[in-house]
Amino acid sequence: MKLFEFEAKNILKKYGVSVPKGNTASNTSEAEAVAREIGKPVVLKAQVLVAGRGKAGGIVFADDPREANKVASRLIGSSIKESLVKNVLVEEKLNIATQFYVSVAIDRQAKKYIVLTSTEGGVDIEEVAKTSPQKIARYWVDPVAGLNQADAIKMLGGFKLNRDDANKFGAIIATLYKAALDNDAELVELNPLVKTTSGDFIAADARIIVDDNALFRHPEFKAESSEEEATPLEIEARKQGLAYVDLDGDIGIVGNGAGLVMATLDLVNSYGGRPANFLDVGGGGDVEITKKAVLLVMSKPAVKAIVLNILGGITRCDIVAQAVIEALKEASVKKPIVVRMMGTNEEEGIRMLNAVGINIYPNVELAIEAVLKL
């Protein structure tokens, strides 16, 4: 579950991390009131769960309360990367001297938390890794020993910070690690963590992603955050019990088994196509589940054609074929579909689909080539 910026900052404040003075606003009068209370130039930040909102126009400065009102009127109710802006965070404009980056994330291969820090804050850390890898420090945390301020200061040794800055930065790193542990976070990130002209270290922006599997331990986190992140089709898929993720391509993908579906996505990409979604119907799916899956993908306007990739172990191919036939009958907008299907009752499934004019391909590569031609 991704938390909104204001939610992440509220959590970090409890741990003693400094954040800019400010508050959220859901309408223009509230935004103006917050700006008036701050009493200096402010920044209004759209509260959406997408990356790159600044480049998309979701972060705007205002010199006074009246201008804050006008900016809020433009932001609230607008869409940032297809996400509706319901609230803005109004904060004091900081006098920034230096920007840093710091994050605590899970390294799944190492099975440990990894701490990343950089002297290049305020930009995409992936870009820094490509262009200036020497400006990034990494530290894998021993889960038994943990991470303290002294450990954090050591990892900052290559950045040539003065003693006071290293102590302050190190204390924040150790605090973020504790916050990550306490909140079962997959990621705690400050980008940027800024040093102001007065020498204070302040979290100008903050992100926290909580492990969905640990939410039962955290009733304080509201489900609205995950709903805000989801697209309308993803919300509909959840209601129907389907494992579905929206993507930005035009080739629909349906398969049984997460690994098989991921492999199909990768092959579509490698053949020059762009997947429109991830949809796993799981093992042993009945007619109704598979039919719902096909209908859901067909309902997406961007989808031009669909690849159905089925490996029938527990799943019966004749059941899948019946689901496809029924989906094509019920669909208000029919999209071309190509099928690779093998396994239990394969011959019967192929016969059923051939009878309604759907071709079956002996391997997924040929199916993808066919769908790209479509």
Protein backbone atom coordinates (compact mmCIF):
# COMPACT_ATOMS: atom_id res chain seq x y z
CA MET A 1 0.00 0.00 0.00
CA LYS A 2 1.39 3.37 -1.04
CA LEU A 3 0.75 6.17 1.42
CA PHE A 4 0.12 9.75 0.41
CA GLU A 5 2.93 12.21 1.03
CA PHE A 6 1.10 13.86 3.93
CA GLU A 7 0.49 10.44 5.53
CA ALA A 8 4.18 9.55 5.22
CA LYS A 9 5.23 12.87 6.74
CA ASN A 10 2.78 12.51 9.63
CA ILE A 11 4.39 9.16 10.45
CA LEU A 12 7.94 10.52 10.21
CA LYS A 13 7.11 13.49 12.41
CA LYS A 14 6.31 11.05 15.21
CA TYR A 15 9.87 9.76 14.93
CA GLY A 16 11.35 13.25 15.16
CA VAL A 17 12.10 13.83 11.47
CA SER A 18 11.65 17.52 10.59
CA VAL A 19 9.13 18.29 7.85
CA PRO A 20 8.01 21.63 6.40
CA LYS A 21 5.29 23.55 8.20
CA GLY A 22 1.96 22.99 6.46
CA ASN A 23 -1.31 21.11 6.19
CA THR A 24 -3.64 19.49 3.66
CA ALA A 25 -6.53 21.25 1.94
CA SER A 26 -9.49 19.82 0.04
CA ASN A 27 -10.78 23.15 -1.32
CA THR A 28 -9.52 26.60 -2.23
CA SER A 29 -10.56 28.34 0.99
CA GLU A 30 -8.71 25.76 3.09
CA ALA A 31 -5.61 26.18 0.93
CA GLU A 32 -5.76 29.94 1.37
CA ALA A 33 -6.21 29.58 5.15
CA VAL A 34 -3.18 27.27 5.46
CA ALA A 35 -1.05 29.67 3.40
CA ARG A 36 -2.16 32.58 5.58
CA GLU A 37 -1.26 30.66 8.73
CA ILE A 38 2.20 29.86 7.34
CA GLY A 39 2.71 33.55 6.56
CA LYS A 40 5.34 33.18 3.84
CA PRO A 41 5.61 31.83 0.26
CA VAL A 42 4.28 28.29 -0.03
CA VAL A 43 4.27 25.27 -2.31
CA LEU A 44 1.08 23.38 -3.18
CA LYS A 45 1.58 19.68 -3.91
CA ALA A 46 -1.09 17.46 -5.45
CA GLN A 47 -1.67 14.41 -3.27
CA VAL A 48 -1.64 11.55 -5.78
CA LEU A 49 -0.02 8.13 -5.68
CA VAL A 50 1.99 8.44 -8.89
CA ALA A 51 5.61 9.28 -9.56
CA GLY A 52 6.70 12.33 -11.55
CA ARG A 53 3.86 14.60 -10.41
CA GLY A 54 6.20 17.62 -10.42
CA LYS A 55 6.98 17.25 -14.11
CA ALA A 56 3.24 16.75 -14.72
CA GLY A 57 2.39 20.10 -13.12
CA GLY A 58 1.37 18.78 -9.72
CA ILE A 59 3.77 20.93 -7.66
CA VAL A 60 3.26 24.71 -7.85
CA PHE A 61 4.64 27.62 -5.78
CA ALA A 62 2.59 30.58 -4.55
CA ASP A 63 3.83 33.86 -3.07
CA ASP A 64 0.80 34.68 -0.93
CA PRO A 65 -2.57 33.29 0.26
CA ARG A 66 -4.51 34.76 -2.67
CA GLU A 67 -2.21 33.09 -5.19
CA ALA A 68 -2.43 29.85 -3.17
CA ASN A 69 -6.21 30.01 -3.62
CA LYS A 70 -5.82 30.31 -7.39
CA VAL A 71 -3.29 27.50 -7.60
CA ALA A 72 -5.52 25.23 -5.50
CA SER A 73 -8.44 25.92 -7.84
CA ARG A 74 -6.36 24.58 -10.73
CA LEU A 75 -5.00 21.53 -8.91
CA ILE A 76 -8.00 20.27 -6.93
CA GLY A 77 -10.28 18.30 -9.23
CA SER A 78 -7.64 17.98 -11.96
CA SER A 79 -5.96 14.76 -13.04
CA ILE A 80 -2.26 13.99 -12.71
CA LYS A 81 -1.35 10.98 -14.84
CA GLU A 82 -5.00 9.84 -14.75
CA SER A 83 -5.15 10.20 -10.93
CA LEU A 84 -7.79 12.57 -9.57
CA VAL A 85 -6.45 15.25 -7.22
CA LYS A 86 -8.74 15.40 -4.18
CA ASN A 87 -6.34 17.16 -1.81
CA VAL A 88 -3.27 19.36 -1.91
CA LEU A 89 -0.53 19.65 0.67
CA VAL A 90 0.24 23.33 1.35
CA GLU A 91 3.70 23.80 2.85
CA GLU A 92 6.18 26.56 3.52
CA LYS A 93 8.67 27.21 0.73
CA LEU A 94 12.10 26.17 2.00
CA ASN A 95 15.35 28.08 1.52
CA ILE A 96 17.38 25.18 0.18
CA ALA A 97 21.17 25.04 0.29
CA THR A 98 21.71 21.36 -0.61
CA GLN A 99 19.53 18.41 -1.63
CA PHE A 100 20.19 14.81 -0.62
CA TYR A 101 18.54 11.47 -1.29
CA VAL A 102 17.98 8.69 1.24
CA SER A 103 15.86 5.55 1.21
CA VAL A 104 15.42 2.35 3.16
CA ALA A 105 14.13 -0.43 0.92
CA ILE A 106 13.95 -4.21 0.79
CA ASP A 107 16.59 -6.02 -1.27
CA ARG A 108 14.75 -9.26 -1.97
CA GLN A 109 17.80 -11.05 -3.33
CA ALA A 110 19.89 -10.23 -0.26
CA LYS A 111 16.84 -10.74 2.02
CA LYS A 112 17.82 -7.59 3.88
CA TYR A 113 16.99 -3.93 4.04
CA ILE A 114 19.27 -1.78 1.91
CA VAL A 115 19.96 1.88 2.64
CA LEU A 116 20.68 4.14 -0.34
CA THR A 117 22.01 7.66 0.08
CA SER A 118 23.16 10.25 -2.43
CA THR A 119 24.29 13.85 -2.62
CA GLU A 120 22.08 14.22 -5.71
CA GLY A 121 18.60 14.66 -4.26
CA GLY A 122 15.50 15.96 -5.98
CA VAL A 123 16.04 13.90 -9.15
CA ASP A 124 15.37 10.31 -10.19
CA ILE A 125 17.79 8.10 -8.28
CA GLU A 126 17.80 5.67 -11.23
CA GLU A 127 19.27 8.41 -13.42
CA VAL A 128 21.93 9.20 -10.82
CA ALA A 129 22.84 5.50 -10.71
CA LYS A 130 23.40 5.55 -14.47
CA THR A 131 25.26 8.85 -14.83
CA SER A 132 27.02 9.30 -11.47
CA PRO A 133 27.20 5.96 -9.61
CA GLN A 134 30.00 7.31 -7.42
CA LYS A 135 27.47 9.71 -5.85
CA ILE A 136 25.46 6.83 -4.36
CA ALA A 137 26.35 4.95 -1.16
CA ARG A 138 24.79 1.58 -0.33
CA TYR A 139 24.57 -0.24 2.99
CA TRP A 140 22.97 -3.65 3.54
CA VAL A 141 21.62 -3.88 7.07
CA ASP A 142 22.29 -7.00 9.12
CA PRO A 143 18.78 -7.86 10.35
CA VAL A 144 20.18 -9.09 13.66
CA ALA A 145 22.54 -6.19 14.38
CA GLY A 146 20.25 -3.51 12.92
CA LEU A 147 21.39 -0.01 12.01
CA ASN A 148 22.46 2.78 14.36
CA GLN A 149 23.64 6.33 13.85
CA ALA A 150 27.33 5.31 13.90
CA ASP A 151 26.74 2.79 11.09
CA ALA A 152 24.93 5.42 9.08
CA ILE A 153 27.71 7.98 9.54
CA LYS A 154 30.26 5.43 8.28
CA MET A 155 28.31 4.89 5.05
CA LEU A 156 28.39 8.66 4.46
CA GLY A 157 32.19 8.73 4.67
CA GLY A 158 32.69 9.08 0.92
CA PHE A 159 30.57 12.22 0.64
CA LYS A 160 33.00 14.58 2.44
CA LEU A 161 30.35 16.04 4.71
CA ASN A 162 31.40 18.12 7.70
CA ARG A 163 30.96 16.52 11.11
CA ASP A 164 27.75 18.35 11.99
CA ASP A 165 26.05 17.48 8.68
CA ALA A 166 27.19 13.85 8.89
CA ASN A 167 25.78 13.55 12.43
CA LYS A 168 22.42 15.03 11.42
CA PHE A 169 22.19 12.97 8.22
CA GLY A 170 23.24 9.81 10.05
CA ALA A 171 20.61 10.32 12.74
CA ILE A 172 17.91 10.65 10.07
CA ILE A 173 19.06 7.47 8.31
CA ALA A 174 18.91 5.48 11.55
CA THR A 175 15.46 6.92 12.26
CA LEU A 176 14.16 5.94 8.81
CA TYR A 177 15.33 2.37 9.38
CA LYS A 178 13.43 2.21 12.66
CA ALA A 179 10.33 3.66 10.97
CA ALA A 180 10.60 1.05 8.22
CA LEU A 181 10.77 -1.79 10.75
CA ASP A 182 7.98 -0.48 12.94
CA ASN A 183 5.62 0.05 10.02
CA ASP A 184 6.48 -3.06 7.95
CA ALA A 185 7.52 -0.79 5.10
CA GLU A 186 8.86 -2.00 1.78
CA LEU A 187 10.16 1.52 1.15
CA VAL A 188 10.77 4.70 3.15
CA GLU A 189 12.20 7.42 0.93
CA LEU A 190 13.09 11.11 1.27
CA ASN A 191 13.70 12.75 -2.09
CA PRO A 192 14.81 15.31 -1.44
CA LEU A 193 16.06 15.53 2.09
CA VAL A 194 17.20 19.14 2.11
CA LYS A 195 19.68 21.14 4.11
CA THR A 196 18.34 24.68 4.44
CA THR A 197 20.42 27.84 4.44
CA SER A 198 20.05 27.86 8.23
CA GLY A 199 21.65 24.39 8.45
CA ASP A 200 18.52 22.37 9.26
CA PHE A 201 17.83 18.99 7.64
CA ILE A 202 14.18 18.76 6.53
CA ALA A 203 12.25 16.08 4.65
CA ALA A 204 10.94 18.13 1.71
CA ASP A 205 9.26 15.06 0.20
CA ALA A 206 8.52 11.63 1.64
CA ARG A 207 7.24 8.28 0.40
CA ILE A 208 6.28 5.20 2.35
CA ILE A 209 5.08 1.90 0.88
CA VAL A 210 3.70 -0.59 3.41
CA ASP A 211 3.81 -4.34 2.80
CA ASP A 212 0.24 -5.39 1.94
CA ASN A 213 0.76 -8.66 3.79
CA ALA A 214 1.34 -6.76 7.05
CA LEU A 215 -1.72 -4.52 6.89
CA PHE A 216 -3.54 -6.67 9.45
CA ARG A 217 -1.03 -5.28 11.95
CA HIS A 218 -1.71 -1.69 10.93
CA PRO A 219 -5.41 -0.81 11.13
CA GLU A 220 -4.35 2.85 11.22
CA PHE A 221 -3.64 2.74 7.49
CA LYS A 222 -6.80 3.41 5.54
CA ALA A 223 -7.78 1.32 2.53
CA GLU A 224 -8.48 4.54 0.60
CA SER A 225 -4.79 4.87 -0.22
CA SER A 226 -4.71 1.61 -2.17
CA GLU A 227 -8.02 2.44 -3.86
CA GLU A 228 -6.68 5.82 -4.98
CA GLU A 229 -3.73 4.06 -6.57
CA ALA A 230 -5.87 1.58 -8.49
CA THR A 231 -7.39 2.23 -11.91
CA PRO A 232 -11.14 1.68 -12.45
CA LEU A 233 -10.44 -1.67 -14.14
CA GLU A 234 -8.17 -2.75 -11.28
CA ILE A 235 -10.90 -1.90 -8.77
CA GLU A 236 -13.44 -3.86 -10.84
CA ALA A 237 -11.03 -6.81 -11.07
CA ARG A 238 -10.67 -6.87 -7.27
CA LYS A 239 -14.44 -7.06 -6.91
CA GLN A 240 -14.46 -10.04 -9.28
CA GLY A 241 -11.56 -11.76 -7.53
CA LEU A 242 -9.16 -11.40 -10.46
CA ALA A 243 -5.41 -10.75 -10.22
CA TYR A 244 -5.20 -7.83 -12.64
CA VAL A 245 -2.75 -4.95 -13.19
CA ASP A 246 -3.25 -2.21 -15.77
CA LEU A 247 -0.38 -1.41 -18.15
CA ASP A 248 -0.10 1.19 -20.90
CA GLY A 249 0.04 -1.00 -24.03
CA ASP A 250 -2.56 -2.29 -26.49
CA ILE A 251 -2.17 -6.10 -26.37
CA GLY A 252 -4.32 -7.80 -23.75
CA ILE A 253 -2.73 -10.67 -21.80
CA VAL A 254 -4.61 -13.50 -20.05
CA GLY A 255 -2.92 -16.59 -18.62
CA ASN A 256 -2.98 -19.05 -15.75
CA GLY A 257 -0.14 -18.70 -13.27
CA ALA A 258 1.76 -15.51 -12.45
CA GLY A 259 5.03 -16.80 -13.86
CA LEU A 260 3.44 -17.79 -17.16
CA VAL A 261 1.71 -14.42 -17.47
CA MET A 262 4.94 -12.53 -16.69
CA ALA A 263 6.80 -14.59 -19.28
CA THR A 264 4.09 -13.76 -21.83
CA LEU A 265 4.44 -10.05 -21.06
CA ASP A 266 8.20 -10.28 -21.53
CA LEU A 267 7.81 -12.07 -24.88
CA VAL A 268 5.31 -9.50 -26.15
CA ASN A 269 7.83 -6.80 -25.26
CA SER A 270 10.72 -8.64 -26.88
CA TYR A 271 8.71 -9.04 -30.11
CA GLY A 272 8.08 -5.29 -30.22
CA GLY A 273 4.58 -5.22 -28.73
CA ARG A 274 3.24 -3.39 -25.68
CA PRO A 275 1.21 -5.33 -23.09
CA ALA A 276 -2.00 -3.66 -21.96
CA ASN A 277 -2.31 -5.58 -18.72
CA PHE A 278 -1.35 -8.47 -16.46
CA LEU A 279 -4.18 -10.91 -15.74
CA ASP A 280 -3.71 -14.24 -13.99
CA VAL A 281 -6.82 -16.44 -13.73
CA GLY A 282 -4.96 -18.84 -11.43
CA GLY A 283 -4.98 -22.62 -11.45
CA GLY A 284 -8.14 -24.65 -11.85
CA GLY A 285 -10.24 -21.69 -12.95
CA ASP A 286 -13.84 -22.49 -13.82
CA VAL A 287 -15.84 -21.17 -16.80
CA GLU A 288 -17.16 -18.13 -14.93
CA ILE A 289 -13.75 -16.91 -13.70
CA THR A 290 -12.05 -17.27 -17.09
CA LYS A 291 -15.02 -15.67 -18.88
CA LYS A 292 -14.87 -12.68 -16.51
CA ALA A 293 -11.16 -12.35 -17.21
CA VAL A 294 -11.60 -12.28 -20.99
CA LEU A 295 -14.53 -9.85 -20.75
CA LEU A 296 -12.56 -7.51 -18.46
CA VAL A 297 -9.62 -7.31 -20.86
CA MET A 298 -11.92 -6.87 -23.87
CA SER A 299 -13.62 -3.96 -22.09
CA LYS A 300 -10.41 -1.92 -22.02
CA PRO A 301 -10.64 0.57 -24.92
CA ALA A 302 -6.88 0.56 -25.58
CA VAL A 303 -6.80 -3.20 -26.20
CA LYS A 304 -6.65 -4.08 -29.90
CA ALA A 305 -6.16 -7.85 -29.56
CA ILE A 306 -5.67 -10.48 -26.84
CA VAL A 307 -3.19 -13.28 -26.22
CA LEU A 308 -4.55 -16.17 -24.13
CA ASN A 309 -1.74 -18.40 -22.86
CA ILE A 310 -2.88 -21.52 -20.97
CA LEU A 311 -0.90 -24.42 -19.56
CA GLY A 312 -3.50 -26.96 -18.52
CA GLY A 313 -2.42 -28.91 -15.48
CA ILE A 314 -5.19 -28.51 -12.93
CA THR A 315 -6.83 -26.17 -15.41
CA ARG A 316 -8.83 -27.99 -18.10
CA CYS A 317 -8.43 -26.67 -21.63
CA ASP A 318 -12.03 -27.50 -22.58
CA ILE A 319 -13.26 -25.35 -19.66
CA VAL A 320 -11.08 -22.47 -20.88
CA ALA A 321 -12.43 -22.91 -24.42
CA GLN A 322 -16.02 -22.80 -23.16
CA ALA A 323 -15.24 -19.60 -21.22
CA VAL A 324 -13.78 -17.93 -24.32
CA ILE A 325 -16.78 -18.89 -26.44
CA GLU A 326 -19.22 -17.52 -23.87
CA ALA A 327 -17.19 -14.33 -23.45
CA LEU A 328 -17.26 -13.69 -27.19
CA LYS A 329 -21.04 -14.13 -27.19
CA GLU A 330 -21.54 -11.70 -24.29
CA ALA A 331 -18.94 -9.05 -25.14
CA SER A 332 -20.43 -5.75 -26.31
CA VAL A 333 -17.16 -4.96 -28.09
CA LYS A 334 -15.36 -7.99 -29.49
CA LYS A 335 -11.59 -8.00 -29.86
CA PRO A 336 -9.49 -10.51 -31.84
CA ILE A 337 -8.08 -13.26 -29.65
CA VAL A 338 -5.23 -15.70 -30.28
CA VAL A 339 -4.73 -18.78 -28.13
CA ARG A 340 -1.83 -20.96 -27.12
CA MET A 341 -3.26 -23.82 -25.07
CA MET A 342 -1.84 -27.18 -24.06
CA GLY A 343 -2.39 -29.76 -21.35
CA THR A 344 -5.45 -31.44 -19.82
CA ASN A 345 -8.26 -31.97 -22.38
CA GLU A 346 -6.21 -30.03 -24.92
CA GLU A 347 -7.67 -31.79 -27.97
CA GLU A 348 -11.27 -31.08 -26.93
CA GLY A 349 -10.47 -27.44 -26.18
CA ILE A 350 -8.81 -26.97 -29.56
CA ARG A 351 -11.76 -28.59 -31.35
CA MET A 352 -14.22 -26.29 -29.57
CA LEU A 353 -12.30 -23.11 -30.42
CA ASN A 354 -11.61 -24.14 -34.00
CA ALA A 355 -15.35 -24.66 -34.44
CA VAL A 356 -15.96 -20.95 -33.75
CA GLY A 357 -13.08 -19.76 -35.94
CA ILE A 358 -10.38 -19.24 -33.29
CA ASN A 359 -6.94 -20.49 -34.26
CA ILE A 360 -4.77 -22.33 -31.74
CA TYR A 361 -0.99 -21.93 -31.93
CA PRO A 362 1.46 -24.67 -30.89
CA ASN A 363 3.68 -22.24 -28.95
CA VAL A 364 3.38 -18.77 -27.49
CA GLU A 365 5.94 -17.25 -29.85
CA LEU A 366 3.76 -18.00 -32.87
CA ALA A 367 0.70 -16.71 -31.00
CA ILE A 368 2.45 -13.41 -30.26
CA GLU A 369 3.59 -13.06 -33.86
CA ALA A 370 -0.02 -13.58 -34.93
CA VAL A 371 -1.42 -11.03 -32.47
CA LEU A 372 1.11 -8.42 -33.58
CA LYS A 373 -0.07 -8.86 -37.17
CA LEU A 374 -3.65 -8.38 -35.98
